[in-house]
Amino acid sequence: MKKFATLVLSAMLGLSFVSTTSFADVTKGQKLFQKKLKKPCGMTGAKFAAKHTQDEWEEIYEEGKFKEEIHKICPKVKPESIKDKWVKHLYDFAYEYASDSGNVPSC
């Protein structure tokens, strides 16, 4: 019984690490924006995220047009230069600080 309990606890602990790393992160999206997009966009993350409401960002993301929207807002950023693994984080950042969210990022 003790081995079974240890096995279950180990599995739960392992799953918690896997699940936390597979989800997108607003802070990581903010850091990505600062490092990769801020200079070519020529605007702060607050101005970028405030280009749309949360509903608009969600619709753009669900339609798979997030990279194209970044290119529309920031013409110097080509969609090919945005890695797929960044998209979810950048989306979470834009959604968190959208114009109707009431939140303002520090970048």
PDB file of N, CA and C in Angstrom:
ATOM      1  N   MET A   1       0.824  -1.201   0.000  1.00  0.00           N
ATOM      2  CA  MET A   1       0.000   0.000   0.000  1.00  0.00           C
ATOM      3  C   MET A   1       0.860   1.253   0.000  1.00  0.00           C
ATOM      4  N   LYS A   2       1.988   1.202   0.731  1.00  0.00           N
ATOM      5  CA  LYS A   2       2.871   2.371   0.799  1.00  0.00           C
ATOM      6  C   LYS A   2       3.507   2.649  -0.562  1.00  0.00           C
ATOM      7  N   LYS A   3       3.869   1.579  -1.299  1.00  0.00           N
ATOM      8  CA  LYS A   3       4.443   1.755  -2.634  1.00  0.00           C
ATOM      9  C   LYS A   3       3.424   2.385  -3.585  1.00  0.00           C
ATOM     10  N   PHE A   4       2.177   1.934  -3.484  1.00  0.00           N
ATOM     11  CA  PHE A   4       1.130   2.470  -4.342  1.00  0.00           C
ATOM     12  C   PHE A   4       0.929   3.967  -4.068  1.00  0.00           C
ATOM     13  N   ALA A   5       0.884   4.332  -2.803  1.00  0.00           N
ATOM     14  CA  ALA A   5       0.713   5.749  -2.441  1.00  0.00           C
ATOM     15  C   ALA A   5       1.892   6.575  -2.930  1.00  0.00           C
ATOM     16  N   THR A   6       3.080   6.048  -2.807  1.00  0.00           N
ATOM     17  CA  THR A   6       4.274   6.750  -3.294  1.00  0.00           C
ATOM     18  C   THR A   6       4.223   6.918  -4.807  1.00  0.00           C
ATOM     19  N   LEU A   7       3.789   5.866  -5.498  1.00  0.00           N
ATOM     20  CA  LEU A   7       3.676   5.918  -6.954  1.00  0.00           C
ATOM     21  C   LEU A   7       2.649   6.970  -7.384  1.00  0.00           C
ATOM     22  N   VAL A   8       1.499   7.000  -6.726  1.00  0.00           N
ATOM     23  CA  VAL A   8       0.444   7.969  -7.062  1.00  0.00           C
ATOM     24  C   VAL A   8       0.927   9.391  -6.799  1.00  0.00           C
ATOM     25  N   LEU A   9       1.560   9.614  -5.676  1.00  0.00           N
ATOM     26  CA  LEU A   9       2.064  10.953  -5.361  1.00  0.00           C
ATOM     27  C   LEU A   9       3.147  11.391  -6.350  1.00  0.00           C
ATOM     28  N   SER A  10       4.006  10.451  -6.733  1.00  0.00           N
ATOM     29  CA  SER A  10       5.047  10.768  -7.711  1.00  0.00           C
ATOM     30  C   SER A  10       4.445  11.131  -9.063  1.00  0.00           C
ATOM     31  N   ALA A  11       3.427  10.382  -9.455  1.00  0.00           N
ATOM     32  CA  ALA A  11       2.759  10.659 -10.728  1.00  0.00           C
ATOM     33  C   ALA A  11       2.084  12.027 -10.698  1.00  0.00           C
ATOM     34  N   MET A  12       1.425  12.356  -9.585  1.00  0.00           N
ATOM     35  CA  MET A  12       0.762  13.657  -9.466  1.00  0.00           C
ATOM     36  C   MET A  12       1.785  14.791  -9.500  1.00  0.00           C
ATOM     37  N   LEU A  13       2.890  14.603  -8.833  1.00  0.00           N
ATOM     38  CA  LEU A  13       3.942  15.618  -8.830  1.00  0.00           C
ATOM     39  C   LEU A  13       4.509  15.800 -10.236  1.00  0.00           C
ATOM     40  N   GLY A  14       4.754  14.711 -10.919  1.00  0.00           N
ATOM     41  CA  GLY A  14       5.267  14.762 -12.286  1.00  0.00           C
ATOM     42  C   GLY A  14       4.296  15.450 -13.230  1.00  0.00           C
ATOM     43  N   LEU A  15       3.013  15.156 -13.100  1.00  0.00           N
ATOM     44  CA  LEU A  15       2.004  15.794 -13.947  1.00  0.00           C
ATOM     45  C   LEU A  15       1.905  17.285 -13.674  1.00  0.00           C
ATOM     46  N   SER A  16       2.089  17.682 -12.436  1.00  0.00           N
ATOM     47  CA  SER A  16       2.013  19.116 -12.125  1.00  0.00           C
ATOM     48  C   SER A  16       3.142  19.870 -12.811  1.00  0.00           C
ATOM     49  N   PHE A  17       4.329  19.269 -12.916  1.00  0.00           N
ATOM     50  CA  PHE A  17       5.437  19.928 -13.625  1.00  0.00           C
ATOM     51  C   PHE A  17       5.161  19.996 -15.119  1.00  0.00           C
ATOM     52  N   VAL A  18       4.628  18.924 -15.670  1.00  0.00           N
ATOM     53  CA  VAL A  18       4.340  18.896 -17.100  1.00  0.00           C
ATOM     54  C   VAL A  18       3.258  19.909 -17.434  1.00  0.00           C
ATOM     55  N   SER A  19       2.201  19.960 -16.645  1.00  0.00           N
ATOM     56  CA  SER A  19       1.095  20.860 -16.960  1.00  0.00           C
ATOM     57  C   SER A  19       1.490  22.322 -16.824  1.00  0.00           C
ATOM     58  N   THR A  20       2.342  22.675 -15.871  1.00  0.00           N
ATOM     59  CA  THR A  20       2.716  24.074 -15.716  1.00  0.00           C
ATOM     60  C   THR A  20       3.635  24.536 -16.829  1.00  0.00           C
ATOM     61  N   THR A  21       4.426  23.655 -17.396  1.00  0.00           N
ATOM     62  CA  THR A  21       5.308  24.083 -18.475  1.00  0.00           C
ATOM     63  C   THR A  21       4.619  24.100 -19.818  1.00  0.00           C
ATOM     64  N   SER A  22       3.521  23.368 -19.973  1.00  0.00           N
ATOM     65  CA  SER A  22       2.854  23.325 -21.268  1.00  0.00           C
ATOM     66  C   SER A  22       1.868  24.460 -21.463  1.00  0.00           C
ATOM     67  N   PHE A  23       1.513  25.182 -20.403  1.00  0.00           N
ATOM     68  CA  PHE A  23       0.589  26.286 -20.535  1.00  0.00           C
ATOM     69  C   PHE A  23       1.335  27.565 -20.865  1.00  0.00           C
ATOM     70  N   ALA A  24       0.635  28.435 -21.525  1.00  0.00           N
ATOM     71  CA  ALA A  24       1.226  29.715 -21.879  1.00  0.00           C
ATOM     72  C   ALA A  24       1.349  30.587 -20.642  1.00  0.00           C
ATOM     73  N   ASP A  25       2.193  31.572 -20.761  1.00  0.00           N
ATOM     74  CA  ASP A  25       2.508  32.411 -19.622  1.00  0.00           C
ATOM     75  C   ASP A  25       2.508  33.880 -20.055  1.00  0.00           C
ATOM     76  N   VAL A  26       1.742  34.691 -19.352  1.00  0.00           N
ATOM     77  CA  VAL A  26       1.666  36.118 -19.653  1.00  0.00           C
ATOM     78  C   VAL A  26       3.031  36.771 -19.493  1.00  0.00           C
ATOM     79  N   THR A  27       3.736  36.427 -18.424  1.00  0.00           N
ATOM     80  CA  THR A  27       5.052  37.011 -18.169  1.00  0.00           C
ATOM     81  C   THR A  27       6.033  36.641 -19.266  1.00  0.00           C
ATOM     82  N   LYS A  28       5.972  35.407 -19.718  1.00  0.00           N
ATOM     83  CA  LYS A  28       6.855  34.984 -20.803  1.00  0.00           C
ATOM     84  C   LYS A  28       6.503  35.727 -22.092  1.00  0.00           C
ATOM     85  N   GLY A  29       5.214  35.925 -22.334  1.00  0.00           N
ATOM     86  CA  GLY A  29       4.786  36.697 -23.500  1.00  0.00           C
ATOM     87  C   GLY A  29       5.277  38.131 -23.434  1.00  0.00           C
ATOM     88  N   GLN A  30       5.243  38.704 -22.251  1.00  0.00           N
ATOM     89  CA  GLN A  30       5.732  40.070 -22.064  1.00  0.00           C
ATOM     90  C   GLN A  30       7.233  40.144 -22.337  1.00  0.00           C
ATOM     91  N   LYS A  31       7.962  39.164 -21.824  1.00  0.00           N
ATOM     92  CA  LYS A  31       9.411  39.138 -22.062  1.00  0.00           C
ATOM     93  C   LYS A  31       9.715  38.949 -23.547  1.00  0.00           C
ATOM     94  N   LEU A  32       8.959  38.080 -24.213  1.00  0.00           N
ATOM     95  CA  LEU A  32       9.150  37.881 -25.645  1.00  0.00           C
ATOM     96  C   LEU A  32       8.870  39.163 -26.416  1.00  0.00           C
ATOM     97  N   PHE A  33       7.807  39.856 -26.031  1.00  0.00           N
ATOM     98  CA  PHE A  33       7.502  41.116 -26.709  1.00  0.00           C
ATOM     99  C   PHE A  33       8.650  42.099 -26.536  1.00  0.00           C
ATOM    100  N   GLN A  34       9.141  42.218 -25.314  1.00  0.00           N
ATOM    101  CA  GLN A  34      10.228  43.158 -25.051  1.00  0.00           C
ATOM    102  C   GLN A  34      11.491  42.804 -25.837  1.00  0.00           C
ATOM    103  N   LYS A  35      11.816  41.531 -25.910  1.00  0.00           N
ATOM    104  CA  LYS A  35      13.051  41.111 -26.567  1.00  0.00           C
ATOM    105  C   LYS A  35      12.946  41.069 -28.088  1.00  0.00           C
ATOM    106  N   LYS A  36      11.817  40.594 -28.595  1.00  0.00           N
ATOM    107  CA  LYS A  36      11.720  40.328 -30.030  1.00  0.00           C
ATOM    108  C   LYS A  36      10.891  41.328 -30.823  1.00  0.00           C
ATOM    109  N   LEU A  37       9.910  41.968 -30.207  1.00  0.00           N
ATOM    110  CA  LEU A  37       8.976  42.776 -30.987  1.00  0.00           C
ATOM    111  C   LEU A  37       8.991  44.264 -30.673  1.00  0.00           C
ATOM    112  N   LYS A  38       9.407  44.635 -29.497  1.00  0.00           N
ATOM    113  CA  LYS A  38       9.288  46.032 -29.079  1.00  0.00           C
ATOM    114  C   LYS A  38      10.039  46.969 -30.021  1.00  0.00           C
ATOM    115  N   LYS A  39      11.272  46.667 -30.337  1.00  0.00           N
ATOM    116  CA  LYS A  39      12.073  47.541 -31.188  1.00  0.00           C
ATOM    117  C   LYS A  39      11.525  47.606 -32.618  1.00  0.00           C
ATOM    118  N   PRO A  40      11.273  46.477 -33.275  1.00  0.00           N
ATOM    119  CA  PRO A  40      10.737  46.588 -34.636  1.00  0.00           C
ATOM    120  C   PRO A  40       9.321  47.168 -34.678  1.00  0.00           C
ATOM    121  N   CYS A  41       8.555  46.977 -33.621  1.00  0.00           N
ATOM    122  CA  CYS A  41       7.201  47.546 -33.577  1.00  0.00           C
ATOM    123  C   CYS A  41       7.256  49.054 -33.328  1.00  0.00           C
ATOM    124  N   GLY A  42       8.230  49.485 -32.585  1.00  0.00           N
ATOM    125  CA  GLY A  42       8.331  50.908 -32.270  1.00  0.00           C
ATOM    126  C   GLY A  42       7.270  51.372 -31.303  1.00  0.00           C
ATOM    127  N   MET A  43       6.778  50.463 -30.490  1.00  0.00           N
ATOM    128  CA  MET A  43       5.762  50.833 -29.490  1.00  0.00           C
ATOM    129  C   MET A  43       5.925  49.953 -28.258  1.00  0.00           C
ATOM    130  N   THR A  44       5.319  50.410 -27.195  1.00  0.00           N
ATOM    131  CA  THR A  44       5.379  49.632 -25.965  1.00  0.00           C
ATOM    132  C   THR A  44       4.399  48.461 -26.031  1.00  0.00           C
ATOM    133  N   GLY A  45       4.573  47.539 -25.121  1.00  0.00           N
ATOM    134  CA  GLY A  45       3.650  46.417 -25.050  1.00  0.00           C
ATOM    135  C   GLY A  45       2.238  46.856 -24.705  1.00  0.00           C
ATOM    136  N   ALA A  46       2.129  47.910 -23.924  1.00  0.00           N
ATOM    137  CA  ALA A  46       0.811  48.436 -23.556  1.00  0.00           C
ATOM    138  C   ALA A  46       0.067  48.928 -24.790  1.00  0.00           C
ATOM    139  N   LYS A  47       0.755  49.673 -25.644  1.00  0.00           N
ATOM    140  CA  LYS A  47       0.123  50.180 -26.873  1.00  0.00           C
ATOM    141  C   LYS A  47      -0.220  49.032 -27.813  1.00  0.00           C
ATOM    142  N   PHE A  48       0.683  48.043 -27.901  1.00  0.00           N
ATOM    143  CA  PHE A  48       0.446  46.893 -28.770  1.00  0.00           C
ATOM    144  C   PHE A  48      -0.796  46.131 -28.325  1.00  0.00           C
ATOM    145  N   ALA A  49      -0.843  45.780 -27.052  1.00  0.00           N
ATOM    146  CA  ALA A  49      -1.959  44.976 -26.546  1.00  0.00           C
ATOM    147  C   ALA A  49      -3.275  45.741 -26.602  1.00  0.00           C
ATOM    148  N   ALA A  50      -3.207  47.056 -26.470  1.00  0.00           N
ATOM    149  CA  ALA A  50      -4.425  47.870 -26.460  1.00  0.00           C
ATOM    150  C   ALA A  50      -5.004  48.099 -27.853  1.00  0.00           C
ATOM    151  N   LYS A  51      -4.400  47.529 -28.864  1.00  0.00           N
ATOM    152  CA  LYS A  51      -4.931  47.658 -30.230  1.00  0.00           C
ATOM    153  C   LYS A  51      -6.254  46.927 -30.395  1.00  0.00           C
ATOM    154  N   HIS A  52      -6.517  45.959 -29.522  1.00  0.00           N
ATOM    155  CA  HIS A  52      -7.757  45.190 -29.607  1.00  0.00           C
ATOM    156  C   HIS A  52      -8.316  44.932 -28.208  1.00  0.00           C
ATOM    157  N   THR A  53      -9.592  44.592 -28.179  1.00  0.00           N
ATOM    158  CA  THR A  53     -10.217  44.154 -26.926  1.00  0.00           C
ATOM    159  C   THR A  53      -9.900  42.673 -26.720  1.00  0.00           C
ATOM    160  N   GLN A  54     -10.231  42.162 -25.552  1.00  0.00           N
ATOM    161  CA  GLN A  54      -9.990  40.744 -25.286  1.00  0.00           C
ATOM    162  C   GLN A  54     -10.758  39.851 -26.267  1.00  0.00           C
ATOM    163  N   ASP A  55     -11.996  40.222 -26.558  1.00  0.00           N
ATOM    164  CA  ASP A  55     -12.790  39.424 -27.504  1.00  0.00           C
ATOM    165  C   ASP A  55     -12.164  39.430 -28.893  1.00  0.00           C
ATOM    166  N   GLU A  56     -11.652  40.587 -29.300  1.00  0.00           N
ATOM    167  CA  GLU A  56     -11.026  40.676 -30.619  1.00  0.00           C
ATOM    168  C   GLU A  56      -9.745  39.845 -30.678  1.00  0.00           C
ATOM    169  N   TRP A  57      -8.899  39.932 -29.628  1.00  0.00           N
ATOM    170  CA  TRP A  57      -7.680  39.122 -29.599  1.00  0.00           C
ATOM    171  C   TRP A  57      -8.028  37.635 -29.636  1.00  0.00           C
ATOM    172  N   GLU A  58      -9.053  37.249 -28.869  1.00  0.00           N
ATOM    173  CA  GLU A  58      -9.453  35.843 -28.826  1.00  0.00           C
ATOM    174  C   GLU A  58      -9.908  35.363 -30.207  1.00  0.00           C
ATOM    175  N   GLU A  59     -10.700  36.174 -30.884  1.00  0.00           N
ATOM    176  CA  GLU A  59     -11.190  35.811 -32.212  1.00  0.00           C
ATOM    177  C   GLU A  59     -10.022  35.683 -33.201  1.00  0.00           C
ATOM    178  N   ILE A  60      -9.101  36.632 -33.155  1.00  0.00           N
ATOM    179  CA  ILE A  60      -7.922  36.593 -34.039  1.00  0.00           C
ATOM    180  C   ILE A  60      -7.113  35.322 -33.779  1.00  0.00           C
ATOM    181  N   TYR A  61      -6.914  34.994 -32.512  1.00  0.00           N
ATOM    182  CA  TYR A  61      -6.120  33.816 -32.152  1.00  0.00           C
ATOM    183  C   TYR A  61      -6.805  32.525 -32.592  1.00  0.00           C
ATOM    184  N   GLU A  62      -8.104  32.438 -32.330  1.00  0.00           N
ATOM    185  CA  GLU A  62      -8.835  31.218 -32.683  1.00  0.00           C
ATOM    186  C   GLU A  62      -8.919  31.008 -34.188  1.00  0.00           C
ATOM    187  N   GLU A  63      -8.896  32.094 -34.955  1.00  0.00           N
ATOM    188  CA  GLU A  63      -8.906  31.975 -36.411  1.00  0.00           C
ATOM    189  C   GLU A  63      -7.513  31.677 -36.967  1.00  0.00           C
ATOM    190  N   GLY A  64      -6.514  31.636 -36.095  1.00  0.00           N
ATOM    191  CA  GLY A  64      -5.150  31.341 -36.524  1.00  0.00           C
ATOM    192  C   GLY A  64      -4.477  32.497 -37.243  1.00  0.00           C
ATOM    193  N   LYS A  65      -4.939  33.716 -36.982  1.00  0.00           N
ATOM    194  CA  LYS A  65      -4.398  34.887 -37.672  1.00  0.00           C
ATOM    195  C   LYS A  65      -3.573  35.781 -36.752  1.00  0.00           C
ATOM    196  N   PHE A  66      -3.072  35.212 -35.670  1.00  0.00           N
ATOM    197  CA  PHE A  66      -2.344  36.040 -34.694  1.00  0.00           C
ATOM    198  C   PHE A  66      -1.043  36.585 -35.284  1.00  0.00           C
ATOM    199  N   LYS A  67      -0.298  35.753 -35.982  1.00  0.00           N
ATOM    200  CA  LYS A  67       0.958  36.224 -36.576  1.00  0.00           C
ATOM    201  C   LYS A  67       0.682  37.321 -37.605  1.00  0.00           C
ATOM    202  N   GLU A  68      -0.349  37.140 -38.409  1.00  0.00           N
ATOM    203  CA  GLU A  68      -0.679  38.143 -39.415  1.00  0.00           C
ATOM    204  C   GLU A  68      -1.103  39.461 -38.756  1.00  0.00           C
ATOM    205  N   GLU A  69      -1.794  39.356 -37.627  1.00  0.00           N
ATOM    206  CA  GLU A  69      -2.220  40.569 -36.927  1.00  0.00           C
ATOM    207  C   GLU A  69      -1.014  41.314 -36.356  1.00  0.00           C
ATOM    208  N   ILE A  70      -0.055  40.563 -35.854  1.00  0.00           N
ATOM    209  CA  ILE A  70       1.175  41.220 -35.382  1.00  0.00           C
ATOM    210  C   ILE A  70       1.826  41.963 -36.543  1.00  0.00           C
ATOM    211  N   HIS A  71       1.848  41.329 -37.705  1.00  0.00           N
ATOM    212  CA  HIS A  71       2.436  41.973 -38.890  1.00  0.00           C
ATOM    213  C   HIS A  71       1.647  43.229 -39.288  1.00  0.00           C
ATOM    214  N   LYS A  72       0.317  43.199 -39.151  1.00  0.00           N
ATOM    215  CA  LYS A  72      -0.499  44.386 -39.470  1.00  0.00           C
ATOM    216  C   LYS A  72      -0.168  45.536 -38.526  1.00  0.00           C
ATOM    217  N   ILE A  73      -0.029  45.199 -37.244  1.00  0.00           N
ATOM    218  CA  ILE A  73       0.253  46.232 -36.241  1.00  0.00           C
ATOM    219  C   ILE A  73       1.705  46.682 -36.341  1.00  0.00           C
ATOM    220  N   CYS A  74       2.580  45.725 -36.594  1.00  0.00           N
ATOM    221  CA  CYS A  74       4.023  46.002 -36.664  1.00  0.00           C
ATOM    222  C   CYS A  74       4.514  45.546 -38.033  1.00  0.00           C
ATOM    223  N   PRO A  75       4.440  46.407 -39.042  1.00  0.00           N
ATOM    224  CA  PRO A  75       4.815  45.979 -40.406  1.00  0.00           C
ATOM    225  C   PRO A  75       6.258  45.503 -40.545  1.00  0.00           C
ATOM    226  N   LYS A  76       7.142  45.915 -39.654  1.00  0.00           N
ATOM    227  CA  LYS A  76       8.538  45.475 -39.753  1.00  0.00           C
ATOM    228  C   LYS A  76       8.733  44.047 -39.247  1.00  0.00           C
ATOM    229  N   VAL A  77       7.764  43.509 -38.550  1.00  0.00           N
ATOM    230  CA  VAL A  77       7.841  42.133 -38.043  1.00  0.00           C
ATOM    231  C   VAL A  77       7.153  41.213 -39.044  1.00  0.00           C
ATOM    232  N   LYS A  78       7.935  40.329 -39.627  1.00  0.00           N
ATOM    233  CA  LYS A  78       7.359  39.393 -40.593  1.00  0.00           C
ATOM    234  C   LYS A  78       6.802  38.182 -39.860  1.00  0.00           C
ATOM    235  N   PRO A  79       5.650  37.675 -40.329  1.00  0.00           N
ATOM    236  CA  PRO A  79       5.051  36.517 -39.647  1.00  0.00           C
ATOM    237  C   PRO A  79       5.986  35.325 -39.555  1.00  0.00           C
ATOM    238  N   GLU A  80       6.875  35.150 -40.533  1.00  0.00           N
ATOM    239  CA  GLU A  80       7.799  34.016 -40.514  1.00  0.00           C
ATOM    240  C   GLU A  80       8.821  34.122 -39.382  1.00  0.00           C
ATOM    241  N   SER A  81       9.073  35.336 -38.938  1.00  0.00           N
ATOM    242  CA  SER A  81      10.076  35.531 -37.885  1.00  0.00           C
ATOM    243  C   SER A  81       9.525  35.219 -36.487  1.00  0.00           C
ATOM    244  N   ILE A  82       8.217  35.030 -36.382  1.00  0.00           N
ATOM    245  CA  ILE A  82       7.594  34.707 -35.096  1.00  0.00           C
ATOM    246  C   ILE A  82       7.489  33.198 -34.982  1.00  0.00           C
ATOM    247  N   LYS A  83       8.208  32.634 -34.033  1.00  0.00           N
ATOM    248  CA  LYS A  83       8.196  31.179 -33.858  1.00  0.00           C
ATOM    249  C   LYS A  83       6.837  30.727 -33.319  1.00  0.00           C
ATOM    250  N   ASP A  84       6.421  29.546 -33.770  1.00  0.00           N
ATOM    251  CA  ASP A  84       5.127  29.008 -33.340  1.00  0.00           C
ATOM    252  C   ASP A  84       5.038  28.853 -31.822  1.00  0.00           C
ATOM    253  N   LYS A  85       6.160  28.501 -31.204  1.00  0.00           N
ATOM    254  CA  LYS A  85       6.132  28.294 -29.756  1.00  0.00           C
ATOM    255  C   LYS A  85       5.968  29.608 -28.995  1.00  0.00           C
ATOM    256  N   TRP A  86       6.149  30.764 -29.643  1.00  0.00           N
ATOM    257  CA  TRP A  86       5.970  32.065 -29.000  1.00  0.00           C
ATOM    258  C   TRP A  86       4.514  32.517 -29.039  1.00  0.00           C
ATOM    259  N   VAL A  87       3.745  32.007 -30.005  1.00  0.00           N
ATOM    260  CA  VAL A  87       2.416  32.552 -30.292  1.00  0.00           C
ATOM    261  C   VAL A  87       1.490  32.502 -29.081  1.00  0.00           C
ATOM    262  N   LYS A  88       1.423  31.357 -28.416  1.00  0.00           N
ATOM    263  CA  LYS A  88       0.521  31.220 -27.270  1.00  0.00           C
ATOM    264  C   LYS A  88       0.896  32.207 -26.157  1.00  0.00           C
ATOM    265  N   HIS A  89       2.180  32.382 -25.916  1.00  0.00           N
ATOM    266  CA  HIS A  89       2.626  33.311 -24.874  1.00  0.00           C
ATOM    267  C   HIS A  89       2.320  34.759 -25.260  1.00  0.00           C
ATOM    268  N   LEU A  90       2.594  35.099 -26.521  1.00  0.00           N
ATOM    269  CA  LEU A  90       2.305  36.465 -26.975  1.00  0.00           C
ATOM    270  C   LEU A  90       0.808  36.730 -26.966  1.00  0.00           C
ATOM    271  N   TYR A  91       0.025  35.723 -27.329  1.00  0.00           N
ATOM    272  CA  TYR A  91      -1.422  35.876 -27.278  1.00  0.00           C
ATOM    273  C   TYR A  91      -1.878  36.115 -25.835  1.00  0.00           C
ATOM    274  N   ASP A  92      -1.393  35.336 -24.913  1.00  0.00           N
ATOM    275  CA  ASP A  92      -1.787  35.521 -23.508  1.00  0.00           C
ATOM    276  C   ASP A  92      -1.407  36.913 -23.005  1.00  0.00           C
ATOM    277  N   PHE A  93      -0.257  37.393 -23.434  1.00  0.00           N
ATOM    278  CA  PHE A  93       0.159  38.757 -23.076  1.00  0.00           C
ATOM    279  C   PHE A  93      -0.818  39.780 -23.662  1.00  0.00           C
ATOM    280  N   ALA A  94      -1.118  39.663 -24.950  1.00  0.00           N
ATOM    281  CA  ALA A  94      -2.027  40.621 -25.595  1.00  0.00           C
ATOM    282  C   ALA A  94      -3.413  40.554 -24.972  1.00  0.00           C
ATOM    283  N   TYR A  95      -3.886  39.347 -24.691  1.00  0.00           N
ATOM    284  CA  TYR A  95      -5.213  39.177 -24.090  1.00  0.00           C
ATOM    285  C   TYR A  95      -5.251  39.780 -22.684  1.00  0.00           C
ATOM    286  N   GLU A  96      -4.230  39.538 -21.898  1.00  0.00           N
ATOM    287  CA  GLU A  96      -4.184  40.029 -20.515  1.00  0.00           C
ATOM    288  C   GLU A  96      -4.201  41.552 -20.448  1.00  0.00           C
ATOM    289  N   TYR A  97      -3.546  42.190 -21.434  1.00  0.00           N
ATOM    290  CA  TYR A  97      -3.435  43.647 -21.397  1.00  0.00           C
ATOM    291  C   TYR A  97      -4.216  44.314 -22.528  1.00  0.00           C
ATOM    292  N   ALA A  98      -5.269  43.672 -22.995  1.00  0.00           N
ATOM    293  CA  ALA A  98      -6.108  44.241 -24.053  1.00  0.00           C
ATOM    294  C   ALA A  98      -6.744  45.548 -23.587  1.00  0.00           C
ATOM    295  N   SER A  99      -7.284  46.287 -24.544  1.00  0.00           N
ATOM    296  CA  SER A  99      -7.795  47.624 -24.239  1.00  0.00           C
ATOM    297  C   SER A  99      -8.914  47.619 -23.203  1.00  0.00           C
ATOM    298  N   ASP A 100      -9.688  46.566 -23.132  1.00  0.00           N
ATOM    299  CA  ASP A 100     -10.800  46.531 -22.179  1.00  0.00           C
ATOM    300  C   ASP A 100     -10.471  45.737 -20.910  1.00  0.00           C
ATOM    301  N   SER A 101      -9.213  45.343 -20.736  1.00  0.00           N
ATOM    302  CA  SER A 101      -8.864  44.513 -19.579  1.00  0.00           C
ATOM    303  C   SER A 101      -8.682  45.323 -18.290  1.00  0.00           C
ATOM    304  N   GLY A 102      -8.279  46.565 -18.438  1.00  0.00           N
ATOM    305  CA  GLY A 102      -8.006  47.374 -17.253  1.00  0.00           C
ATOM    306  C   GLY A 102      -6.614  47.142 -16.698  1.00  0.00           C
ATOM    307  N   ASN A 103      -5.839  46.275 -17.328  1.00  0.00           N
ATOM    308  CA  ASN A 103      -4.474  45.990 -16.896  1.00  0.00           C
ATOM    309  C   ASN A 103      -3.484  46.744 -17.785  1.00  0.00           C
ATOM    310  N   VAL A 104      -2.387  47.156 -17.198  1.00  0.00           N
ATOM    311  CA  VAL A 104      -1.349  47.864 -17.951  1.00  0.00           C
ATOM    312  C   VAL A 104      -0.014  47.175 -17.670  1.00  0.00           C
ATOM    313  N   PRO A 105       0.668  46.702 -18.740  1.00  0.00           N
ATOM    314  CA  PRO A 105       1.968  46.045 -18.522  1.00  0.00           C
ATOM    315  C   PRO A 105       3.045  47.072 -18.198  1.00  0.00           C
ATOM    316  N   SER A 106       4.139  46.598 -17.682  1.00  0.00           N
ATOM    317  CA  SER A 106       5.224  47.501 -17.318  1.00  0.00           C
ATOM    318  C   SER A 106       6.234  47.694 -18.437  1.00  0.00           C
ATOM    319  N   CYS A 107       5.949  47.194 -19.628  1.00  0.00           N
ATOM    320  CA  CYS A 107       6.906  47.372 -20.738  1.00  0.00           C
ATOM    321  C   CYS A 107       6.404  48.359 -21.764  1.00  0.00           C
TER     322      CYS A 107
END
